[in-house]
Amino acid sequence: MTIIYWILGGVVAIFLLSVLRGAPYVPTRKKDIERLFDEVYRLQAQDVLIDIGSGDGSVCIAAARHGARAIGYEINPVLVLIGRWRARQLGSARFVLADFWRQDLPRDTTIVYTFGDGRDIQKMAEYVQKQATRLKKPLYFVSYAFELSDLPLVTRNNVHFLYEIKPALHIKKT
């Protein structure tokens, strides 16, 4: 019985440490994910969706089922294992145990999804801007539940906000 308490204590500690480094685990509602891909951004076979803080993998799994490739970044190892287990039949969804702030997005990334919080959403948009500039191409950025006031919206529904983030222009000095 003592071992069970140690295991439960370890899992709780992992979740608490994840909250200190990132956002708490709050799953996206399944019907909202479906509405995202029906109303806000229709995924194509060439799309590669990146989920920042992928949690249990619901968004990546839905994206894969819509025909896109999906990569979820998550700092909580328990949630990475859950996502991998849930997506075990899908070859087009994978989960990476990593701090996305220290990752470069893959070259073929087309859309970045996040369920951030009010304190981090602007920072996430800046991260995507840096990645768009590095990749030298625009990236779509979807925010669940939090609107960015300084970026023009491409479209939205009641809970998702879609932005196109273009690479920053670098002017060479002569």
N, C-alpha and C. Protein backbone atom coordinates (compact mmCIF):
# COMPACT_ATOMS: atom_id res chain seq x y z
N MET A 1 0.83 -1.20 0.00
CA MET A 1 0.00 0.00 0.00
C MET A 1 0.87 1.26 0.00
N THR A 2 2.01 1.20 0.68
CA THR A 2 2.91 2.35 0.74
C THR A 2 3.43 2.72 -0.63
N ILE A 3 3.69 1.72 -1.47
CA ILE A 3 4.20 1.99 -2.82
C ILE A 3 3.18 2.79 -3.64
N ILE A 4 1.90 2.50 -3.44
CA ILE A 4 0.85 3.24 -4.16
C ILE A 4 0.88 4.71 -3.77
N TYR A 5 1.07 4.98 -2.49
CA TYR A 5 1.16 6.37 -2.03
C TYR A 5 2.38 7.08 -2.63
N TRP A 6 3.48 6.36 -2.74
CA TRP A 6 4.68 6.95 -3.35
C TRP A 6 4.45 7.26 -4.83
N ILE A 7 3.81 6.33 -5.51
CA ILE A 7 3.51 6.55 -6.93
C ILE A 7 2.57 7.74 -7.10
N LEU A 8 1.49 7.75 -6.33
CA LEU A 8 0.54 8.88 -6.40
C LEU A 8 1.22 10.20 -6.05
N GLY A 9 2.08 10.18 -5.03
CA GLY A 9 2.82 11.39 -4.66
C GLY A 9 3.73 11.85 -5.78
N GLY A 10 4.36 10.90 -6.47
CA GLY A 10 5.22 11.24 -7.60
C GLY A 10 4.45 11.87 -8.75
N VAL A 11 3.29 11.30 -9.06
CA VAL A 11 2.45 11.85 -10.13
C VAL A 11 1.99 13.25 -9.78
N VAL A 12 1.54 13.45 -8.54
CA VAL A 12 1.12 14.78 -8.10
C VAL A 12 2.28 15.76 -8.18
N ALA A 13 3.47 15.33 -7.78
CA ALA A 13 4.65 16.20 -7.84
C ALA A 13 4.96 16.59 -9.28
N ILE A 14 4.85 15.65 -10.21
CA ILE A 14 5.11 15.95 -11.63
C ILE A 14 4.13 17.01 -12.12
N PHE A 15 2.85 16.86 -11.79
CA PHE A 15 1.85 17.84 -12.23
C PHE A 15 2.11 19.21 -11.60
N LEU A 16 2.49 19.24 -10.34
CA LEU A 16 2.78 20.52 -9.68
C LEU A 16 4.00 21.19 -10.29
N LEU A 17 5.05 20.42 -10.57
CA LEU A 17 6.25 21.00 -11.19
C LEU A 17 5.94 21.51 -12.59
N SER A 18 5.08 20.80 -13.32
CA SER A 18 4.68 21.25 -14.66
C SER A 18 3.96 22.58 -14.60
N VAL A 19 3.13 22.76 -13.58
CA VAL A 19 2.40 24.02 -13.41
C VAL A 19 3.37 25.16 -13.15
N LEU A 20 4.40 24.91 -12.36
CA LEU A 20 5.38 25.96 -12.07
C LEU A 20 6.15 26.38 -13.32
N ARG A 21 6.39 25.45 -14.23
CA ARG A 21 7.15 25.75 -15.44
C ARG A 21 6.26 26.23 -16.59
N GLY A 22 5.06 25.77 -16.62
CA GLY A 22 4.15 26.11 -17.72
C GLY A 22 2.77 26.39 -17.18
N ALA A 23 1.79 26.00 -17.93
CA ALA A 23 0.40 26.20 -17.53
C ALA A 23 -0.14 24.91 -16.92
N PRO A 24 -1.18 24.99 -16.12
CA PRO A 24 -1.78 23.77 -15.58
C PRO A 24 -2.46 22.97 -16.69
N TYR A 25 -2.62 21.69 -16.44
CA TYR A 25 -3.31 20.83 -17.39
C TYR A 25 -4.81 21.09 -17.31
N VAL A 26 -5.35 21.62 -18.40
CA VAL A 26 -6.79 21.81 -18.54
C VAL A 26 -7.13 21.31 -19.94
N PRO A 27 -7.86 20.21 -20.04
CA PRO A 27 -8.14 19.66 -21.38
C PRO A 27 -9.07 20.55 -22.20
N THR A 28 -8.84 20.56 -23.50
CA THR A 28 -9.73 21.24 -24.44
C THR A 28 -10.95 20.35 -24.64
N ARG A 29 -12.11 20.95 -24.66
CA ARG A 29 -13.32 20.17 -24.84
C ARG A 29 -13.37 19.59 -26.26
N LYS A 30 -13.76 18.33 -26.36
CA LYS A 30 -13.78 17.62 -27.63
C LYS A 30 -14.64 18.34 -28.67
N LYS A 31 -15.81 18.82 -28.28
CA LYS A 31 -16.67 19.50 -29.26
C LYS A 31 -16.03 20.79 -29.75
N ASP A 32 -15.23 21.45 -28.92
CA ASP A 32 -14.52 22.66 -29.36
C ASP A 32 -13.42 22.32 -30.36
N ILE A 33 -12.76 21.18 -30.17
CA ILE A 33 -11.72 20.76 -31.12
C ILE A 33 -12.35 20.48 -32.48
N GLU A 34 -13.47 19.78 -32.50
CA GLU A 34 -14.15 19.49 -33.76
C GLU A 34 -14.61 20.78 -34.44
N ARG A 35 -15.12 21.71 -33.67
CA ARG A 35 -15.56 22.99 -34.24
C ARG A 35 -14.37 23.76 -34.80
N LEU A 36 -13.20 23.64 -34.16
CA LEU A 36 -12.00 24.30 -34.67
C LEU A 36 -11.72 23.86 -36.10
N PHE A 37 -11.70 22.55 -36.32
CA PHE A 37 -11.33 22.03 -37.63
C PHE A 37 -12.47 22.08 -38.64
N ASP A 38 -13.68 22.33 -38.18
CA ASP A 38 -14.81 22.52 -39.10
C ASP A 38 -15.05 23.98 -39.44
N GLU A 39 -14.85 24.87 -38.47
CA GLU A 39 -15.25 26.27 -38.63
C GLU A 39 -14.10 27.26 -38.78
N VAL A 40 -12.97 26.99 -38.14
CA VAL A 40 -11.90 27.99 -38.06
C VAL A 40 -10.76 27.69 -39.02
N TYR A 41 -10.29 26.46 -39.04
CA TYR A 41 -9.16 26.10 -39.90
C TYR A 41 -9.38 24.67 -40.38
N ARG A 42 -9.61 24.54 -41.67
CA ARG A 42 -9.80 23.21 -42.26
C ARG A 42 -8.43 22.64 -42.61
N LEU A 43 -8.07 21.59 -41.92
CA LEU A 43 -6.77 20.97 -42.13
C LEU A 43 -6.71 20.28 -43.49
N GLN A 44 -5.52 20.33 -44.09
CA GLN A 44 -5.24 19.66 -45.35
C GLN A 44 -4.14 18.62 -45.10
N ALA A 45 -3.96 17.73 -46.04
CA ALA A 45 -2.95 16.67 -45.90
C ALA A 45 -1.55 17.24 -45.73
N GLN A 46 -1.28 18.41 -46.30
CA GLN A 46 0.07 18.99 -46.21
C GLN A 46 0.30 19.76 -44.91
N ASP A 47 -0.73 19.93 -44.09
CA ASP A 47 -0.57 20.66 -42.84
C ASP A 47 0.20 19.86 -41.80
N VAL A 48 1.01 20.60 -41.04
CA VAL A 48 1.68 20.06 -39.87
C VAL A 48 1.32 20.96 -38.71
N LEU A 49 0.53 20.41 -37.79
CA LEU A 49 0.06 21.16 -36.64
C LEU A 49 0.99 20.90 -35.46
N ILE A 50 1.39 21.97 -34.79
CA ILE A 50 2.17 21.87 -33.57
C ILE A 50 1.26 22.30 -32.43
N ASP A 51 1.18 21.46 -31.40
CA ASP A 51 0.38 21.78 -30.22
C ASP A 51 1.33 22.11 -29.08
N ILE A 52 1.31 23.37 -28.67
CA ILE A 52 2.16 23.84 -27.57
C ILE A 52 1.48 23.46 -26.25
N GLY A 53 2.09 22.57 -25.51
CA GLY A 53 1.48 22.08 -24.27
C GLY A 53 0.35 21.14 -24.61
N SER A 54 0.68 20.01 -25.21
CA SER A 54 -0.32 19.12 -25.81
C SER A 54 -1.16 18.33 -24.81
N GLY A 55 -0.83 18.37 -23.54
CA GLY A 55 -1.66 17.69 -22.55
C GLY A 55 -1.84 16.23 -22.88
N ASP A 56 -3.10 15.77 -22.89
CA ASP A 56 -3.38 14.36 -23.14
C ASP A 56 -3.42 14.00 -24.62
N GLY A 57 -3.16 14.97 -25.50
CA GLY A 57 -3.04 14.70 -26.93
C GLY A 57 -4.29 14.86 -27.75
N SER A 58 -5.37 15.37 -27.18
CA SER A 58 -6.65 15.43 -27.88
C SER A 58 -6.59 16.23 -29.18
N VAL A 59 -5.91 17.39 -29.18
CA VAL A 59 -5.85 18.22 -30.38
C VAL A 59 -5.03 17.53 -31.46
N CYS A 60 -3.89 16.97 -31.09
CA CYS A 60 -3.04 16.28 -32.07
C CYS A 60 -3.76 15.07 -32.67
N ILE A 61 -4.46 14.33 -31.85
CA ILE A 61 -5.18 13.15 -32.33
C ILE A 61 -6.29 13.57 -33.29
N ALA A 62 -7.03 14.62 -32.96
CA ALA A 62 -8.08 15.12 -33.86
C ALA A 62 -7.48 15.61 -35.17
N ALA A 63 -6.34 16.30 -35.10
CA ALA A 63 -5.68 16.79 -36.32
C ALA A 63 -5.25 15.62 -37.20
N ALA A 64 -4.70 14.59 -36.60
CA ALA A 64 -4.29 13.41 -37.35
C ALA A 64 -5.50 12.73 -38.00
N ARG A 65 -6.59 12.68 -37.30
CA ARG A 65 -7.81 12.08 -37.85
C ARG A 65 -8.39 12.92 -38.99
N HIS A 66 -8.04 14.21 -39.02
CA HIS A 66 -8.46 15.08 -40.12
C HIS A 66 -7.45 15.06 -41.27
N GLY A 67 -6.45 14.20 -41.20
CA GLY A 67 -5.51 14.01 -42.30
C GLY A 67 -4.21 14.76 -42.21
N ALA A 68 -3.99 15.55 -41.18
CA ALA A 68 -2.75 16.31 -41.03
C ALA A 68 -1.75 15.53 -40.18
N ARG A 69 -0.50 15.96 -40.23
CA ARG A 69 0.49 15.48 -39.26
C ARG A 69 0.41 16.38 -38.05
N ALA A 70 0.67 15.84 -36.87
CA ALA A 70 0.58 16.63 -35.65
C ALA A 70 1.70 16.24 -34.70
N ILE A 71 2.28 17.26 -34.07
CA ILE A 71 3.34 17.06 -33.08
C ILE A 71 2.95 17.84 -31.84
N GLY A 72 2.91 17.16 -30.72
CA GLY A 72 2.60 17.80 -29.46
C GLY A 72 3.84 17.93 -28.59
N TYR A 73 4.08 19.12 -28.08
CA TYR A 73 5.16 19.36 -27.12
C TYR A 73 4.55 19.47 -25.74
N GLU A 74 5.11 18.73 -24.78
CA GLU A 74 4.57 18.70 -23.43
C GLU A 74 5.73 18.49 -22.45
N ILE A 75 5.67 19.20 -21.31
CA ILE A 75 6.73 19.04 -20.31
C ILE A 75 6.37 18.06 -19.20
N ASN A 76 5.14 17.59 -19.19
CA ASN A 76 4.70 16.64 -18.19
C ASN A 76 4.85 15.22 -18.76
N PRO A 77 5.78 14.42 -18.22
CA PRO A 77 6.00 13.09 -18.79
C PRO A 77 4.79 12.16 -18.69
N VAL A 78 3.98 12.32 -17.68
CA VAL A 78 2.77 11.50 -17.56
C VAL A 78 1.83 11.79 -18.72
N LEU A 79 1.64 13.07 -19.04
CA LEU A 79 0.75 13.44 -20.15
C LEU A 79 1.33 13.02 -21.50
N VAL A 80 2.65 13.06 -21.65
CA VAL A 80 3.27 12.58 -22.90
C VAL A 80 2.96 11.10 -23.09
N LEU A 81 3.10 10.33 -22.03
CA LEU A 81 2.80 8.89 -22.12
C LEU A 81 1.33 8.65 -22.45
N ILE A 82 0.44 9.43 -21.85
CA ILE A 82 -0.99 9.29 -22.15
C ILE A 82 -1.25 9.62 -23.61
N GLY A 83 -0.68 10.73 -24.10
CA GLY A 83 -0.85 11.09 -25.51
C GLY A 83 -0.33 10.02 -26.45
N ARG A 84 0.86 9.49 -26.15
CA ARG A 84 1.43 8.44 -26.99
C ARG A 84 0.56 7.19 -26.99
N TRP A 85 0.04 6.84 -25.83
CA TRP A 85 -0.82 5.66 -25.74
C TRP A 85 -2.10 5.88 -26.53
N ARG A 86 -2.71 7.04 -26.38
CA ARG A 86 -3.96 7.34 -27.08
C ARG A 86 -3.78 7.37 -28.60
N ALA A 87 -2.60 7.77 -29.06
CA ALA A 87 -2.34 7.91 -30.50
C ALA A 87 -1.60 6.71 -31.09
N ARG A 88 -1.53 5.63 -30.35
CA ARG A 88 -0.71 4.49 -30.77
C ARG A 88 -1.12 3.92 -32.13
N GLN A 89 -2.36 4.09 -32.55
CA GLN A 89 -2.83 3.59 -33.84
C GLN A 89 -2.65 4.61 -34.96
N LEU A 90 -2.26 5.83 -34.61
CA LEU A 90 -2.14 6.91 -35.60
C LEU A 90 -0.66 7.19 -35.86
N GLY A 91 -0.22 6.94 -37.05
CA GLY A 91 1.18 7.21 -37.38
C GLY A 91 1.48 8.68 -37.59
N SER A 92 0.45 9.51 -37.72
CA SER A 92 0.68 10.91 -38.05
C SER A 92 0.58 11.84 -36.84
N ALA A 93 0.50 11.27 -35.63
CA ALA A 93 0.51 12.09 -34.41
C ALA A 93 1.64 11.58 -33.52
N ARG A 94 2.46 12.51 -33.05
CA ARG A 94 3.52 12.12 -32.12
C ARG A 94 3.65 13.16 -31.03
N PHE A 95 4.26 12.74 -29.93
CA PHE A 95 4.36 13.59 -28.75
C PHE A 95 5.80 13.62 -28.28
N VAL A 96 6.26 14.82 -27.97
CA VAL A 96 7.66 15.04 -27.60
C VAL A 96 7.70 15.58 -26.17
N LEU A 97 8.48 14.94 -25.34
CA LEU A 97 8.72 15.43 -23.98
C LEU A 97 9.77 16.52 -24.09
N ALA A 98 9.32 17.76 -24.09
CA ALA A 98 10.25 18.88 -24.28
C ALA A 98 9.60 20.19 -23.86
N ASP A 99 10.43 21.12 -23.53
CA ASP A 99 10.02 22.48 -23.26
C ASP A 99 10.01 23.20 -24.60
N PHE A 100 8.84 23.52 -25.13
CA PHE A 100 8.76 24.09 -26.47
C PHE A 100 9.50 25.41 -26.58
N TRP A 101 9.66 26.15 -25.47
CA TRP A 101 10.38 27.42 -25.52
C TRP A 101 11.81 27.21 -26.00
N ARG A 102 12.32 26.01 -25.87
CA ARG A 102 13.70 25.71 -26.26
C ARG A 102 13.79 24.90 -27.54
N GLN A 103 12.69 24.81 -28.24
CA GLN A 103 12.62 24.01 -29.46
C GLN A 103 12.46 24.92 -30.67
N ASP A 104 13.05 24.51 -31.76
CA ASP A 104 12.74 25.12 -33.05
C ASP A 104 11.65 24.28 -33.69
N LEU A 105 10.66 24.94 -34.24
CA LEU A 105 9.59 24.20 -34.90
C LEU A 105 10.12 23.54 -36.17
N PRO A 106 9.56 22.38 -36.53
CA PRO A 106 9.97 21.72 -37.77
C PRO A 106 9.73 22.62 -38.98
N ARG A 107 10.54 22.45 -39.99
CA ARG A 107 10.49 23.27 -41.19
C ARG A 107 9.13 23.22 -41.88
N ASP A 108 8.44 22.09 -41.79
CA ASP A 108 7.16 21.95 -42.49
C ASP A 108 5.95 22.36 -41.65
N THR A 109 6.16 22.99 -40.51
CA THR A 109 5.06 23.47 -39.67
C THR A 109 4.21 24.46 -40.46
N THR A 110 2.88 24.32 -40.34
CA THR A 110 1.98 25.27 -40.99
C THR A 110 1.07 25.97 -39.97
N ILE A 111 0.77 25.30 -38.86
CA ILE A 111 -0.16 25.86 -37.88
C ILE A 111 0.28 25.48 -36.47
N VAL A 112 0.16 26.45 -35.57
CA VAL A 112 0.53 26.25 -34.17
C VAL A 112 -0.72 26.48 -33.32
N TYR A 113 -1.00 25.53 -32.44
CA TYR A 113 -2.18 25.59 -31.58
C TYR A 113 -1.73 25.75 -30.13
N THR A 114 -2.44 26.57 -29.39
CA THR A 114 -2.16 26.67 -27.96
C THR A 114 -3.42 26.95 -27.16
N PHE A 115 -3.44 26.36 -26.00
CA PHE A 115 -4.43 26.68 -24.98
C PHE A 115 -3.60 27.26 -23.84
N GLY A 116 -3.12 28.46 -24.08
CA GLY A 116 -2.30 29.13 -23.08
C GLY A 116 -3.18 29.84 -22.07
N ASP A 117 -2.58 30.65 -21.29
CA ASP A 117 -3.38 31.45 -20.37
C ASP A 117 -3.09 32.92 -20.64
N GLY A 118 -3.83 33.78 -19.99
CA GLY A 118 -3.71 35.21 -20.23
C GLY A 118 -2.32 35.76 -20.05
N ARG A 119 -1.56 35.18 -19.13
CA ARG A 119 -0.21 35.71 -18.87
C ARG A 119 0.80 35.27 -19.91
N ASP A 120 0.55 34.15 -20.60
CA ASP A 120 1.54 33.62 -21.53
C ASP A 120 1.17 33.73 -23.00
N ILE A 121 -0.05 34.09 -23.33
CA ILE A 121 -0.49 34.05 -24.72
C ILE A 121 0.31 35.01 -25.60
N GLN A 122 0.62 36.18 -25.10
CA GLN A 122 1.42 37.13 -25.87
C GLN A 122 2.83 36.59 -26.11
N LYS A 123 3.39 35.99 -25.08
CA LYS A 123 4.72 35.39 -25.20
C LYS A 123 4.72 34.26 -26.23
N MET A 124 3.64 33.48 -26.27
CA MET A 124 3.53 32.40 -27.24
C MET A 124 3.45 32.95 -28.66
N ALA A 125 2.70 34.03 -28.84
CA ALA A 125 2.61 34.66 -30.16
C ALA A 125 3.98 35.18 -30.60
N GLU A 126 4.74 35.73 -29.68
CA GLU A 126 6.09 36.20 -30.00
C GLU A 126 7.00 35.03 -30.37
N TYR A 127 6.84 33.92 -29.69
CA TYR A 127 7.59 32.71 -30.02
C TYR A 127 7.28 32.27 -31.46
N VAL A 128 5.99 32.26 -31.82
CA VAL A 128 5.58 31.86 -33.16
C VAL A 128 6.13 32.86 -34.19
N GLN A 129 6.14 34.14 -33.85
CA GLN A 129 6.71 35.16 -34.73
C GLN A 129 8.19 34.87 -35.01
N LYS A 130 8.93 34.55 -33.98
CA LYS A 130 10.36 34.22 -34.15
C LYS A 130 10.53 32.98 -35.02
N GLN A 131 9.66 32.01 -34.83
CA GLN A 131 9.74 30.79 -35.63
C GLN A 131 9.36 31.07 -37.09
N ALA A 132 8.35 31.89 -37.32
CA ALA A 132 7.97 32.26 -38.69
C ALA A 132 9.13 32.97 -39.39
N THR A 133 9.80 33.84 -38.65
CA THR A 133 10.95 34.55 -39.22
C THR A 133 12.09 33.58 -39.51
N ARG A 134 12.35 32.67 -38.60
CA ARG A 134 13.42 31.68 -38.81
C ARG A 134 13.09 30.79 -40.00
N LEU A 135 11.84 30.38 -40.12
CA LEU A 135 11.42 29.50 -41.22
C LEU A 135 11.19 30.24 -42.53
N LYS A 136 11.13 31.60 -42.45
CA LYS A 136 10.92 32.46 -43.62
C LYS A 136 9.60 32.15 -44.32
N LYS A 137 8.56 31.96 -43.49
CA LYS A 137 7.23 31.74 -44.04
C LYS A 137 6.19 32.07 -42.97
N PRO A 138 4.99 32.43 -43.40
CA PRO A 138 3.93 32.70 -42.42
C PRO A 138 3.47 31.41 -41.74
N LEU A 139 3.03 31.54 -40.51
CA LEU A 139 2.47 30.43 -39.76
C LEU A 139 1.10 30.84 -39.23
N TYR A 140 0.17 29.93 -39.24
CA TYR A 140 -1.11 30.19 -38.60
C TYR A 140 -0.97 29.88 -37.12
N PHE A 141 -1.64 30.68 -36.31
CA PHE A 141 -1.57 30.55 -34.86
C PHE A 141 -2.99 30.54 -34.32
N VAL A 142 -3.36 29.47 -33.63
CA VAL A 142 -4.69 29.34 -33.05
C VAL A 142 -4.57 29.43 -31.54
N SER A 143 -5.32 30.34 -30.97
CA SER A 143 -5.39 30.48 -29.52
C SER A 143 -6.77 30.03 -29.05
N TYR A 144 -6.78 29.14 -28.08
CA TYR A 144 -8.03 28.68 -27.50
C TYR A 144 -8.34 29.53 -26.28
N ALA A 145 -9.43 30.26 -26.34
CA ALA A 145 -10.00 31.01 -25.22
C ALA A 145 -9.38 32.39 -24.96
N PHE A 146 -8.24 32.71 -25.55
CA PHE A 146 -7.61 34.00 -25.28
C PHE A 146 -7.33 34.72 -26.59
N GLU A 147 -7.85 35.95 -26.67
CA GLU A 147 -7.67 36.77 -27.87
C GLU A 147 -6.47 37.68 -27.69
N LEU A 148 -5.75 37.88 -28.78
CA LEU A 148 -4.62 38.82 -28.80
C LEU A 148 -5.12 40.14 -29.37
N SER A 149 -4.91 41.21 -28.64
CA SER A 149 -5.44 42.50 -29.08
C SER A 149 -4.57 43.18 -30.13
N ASP A 150 -3.30 42.79 -30.23
CA ASP A 150 -2.40 43.50 -31.14
C ASP A 150 -2.19 42.80 -32.48
N LEU A 151 -2.89 41.71 -32.74
CA LEU A 151 -2.78 41.02 -34.02
C LEU A 151 -4.14 41.00 -34.71
N PRO A 152 -4.17 41.22 -36.03
CA PRO A 152 -5.46 41.14 -36.72
C PRO A 152 -5.94 39.70 -36.82
N LEU A 153 -7.20 39.49 -36.54
CA LEU A 153 -7.80 38.15 -36.63
C LEU A 153 -8.01 37.76 -38.08
N VAL A 154 -7.75 36.50 -38.40
CA VAL A 154 -8.15 35.95 -39.69
C VAL A 154 -9.60 35.51 -39.58
N THR A 155 -9.91 34.79 -38.52
CA THR A 155 -11.29 34.36 -38.24
C THR A 155 -11.36 33.87 -36.80
N ARG A 156 -12.59 33.60 -36.37
CA ARG A 156 -12.78 33.11 -35.00
C ARG A 156 -14.13 32.42 -34.91
N ASN A 157 -14.29 31.63 -33.88
CA ASN A 157 -15.61 31.18 -33.48
C ASN A 157 -15.75 31.59 -32.01
N ASN A 158 -16.61 30.98 -31.27
CA ASN A 158 -16.81 31.47 -29.91
C ASN A 158 -15.63 31.22 -28.97
N VAL A 159 -14.74 30.27 -29.29
CA VAL A 159 -13.62 29.98 -28.38
C VAL A 159 -12.23 29.97 -29.03
N HIS A 160 -12.16 29.92 -30.34
CA HIS A 160 -10.87 29.87 -31.03
C HIS A 160 -10.63 31.17 -31.81
N PHE A 161 -9.39 31.61 -31.77
CA PHE A 161 -8.96 32.81 -32.48
C PHE A 161 -7.83 32.42 -33.41
N LEU A 162 -7.98 32.68 -34.71
CA LEU A 162 -6.97 32.32 -35.70
C LEU A 162 -6.28 33.56 -36.21
N TYR A 163 -4.94 33.51 -36.19
CA TYR A 163 -4.10 34.61 -36.67
C TYR A 163 -3.13 34.05 -37.70
N GLU A 164 -2.73 34.89 -38.64
CA GLU A 164 -1.62 34.56 -39.53
C GLU A 164 -0.44 35.41 -39.10
N ILE A 165 0.61 34.74 -38.68
CA ILE A 165 1.80 35.46 -38.22
C ILE A 165 2.86 35.36 -39.31
N LYS A 166 3.20 36.53 -39.83
CA LYS A 166 4.16 36.60 -40.94
C LYS A 166 5.57 36.81 -40.42
N PRO A 167 6.56 36.40 -41.20
CA PRO A 167 7.94 36.62 -40.78
C PRO A 167 8.24 38.11 -40.64
N ALA A 168 9.07 38.43 -39.68
CA ALA A 168 9.50 39.83 -39.52
C ALA A 168 10.43 40.17 -40.67
N LEU A 169 10.33 41.40 -41.12
CA LEU A 169 11.22 41.85 -42.20
C LEU A 169 12.54 42.29 -41.60
N HIS A 170 13.59 41.82 -42.21
CA HIS A 170 14.93 42.25 -41.79
C HIS A 170 15.47 43.20 -42.85
N ILE A 171 15.74 44.40 -42.46
CA ILE A 171 16.26 45.38 -43.40
C ILE A 171 17.78 45.41 -43.24
N LYS A 172 18.45 45.16 -44.35
CA LYS A 172 19.91 45.20 -44.31
C LYS A 172 20.37 46.64 -44.37
N LYS A 173 21.32 46.96 -43.52
CA LYS A 173 21.92 48.32 -43.55
C LYS A 173 23.08 48.31 -44.53
N THR A 174 23.16 49.35 -45.33
CA THR A 174 24.25 49.42 -46.32
C THR A 174 25.28 50.43 -45.91
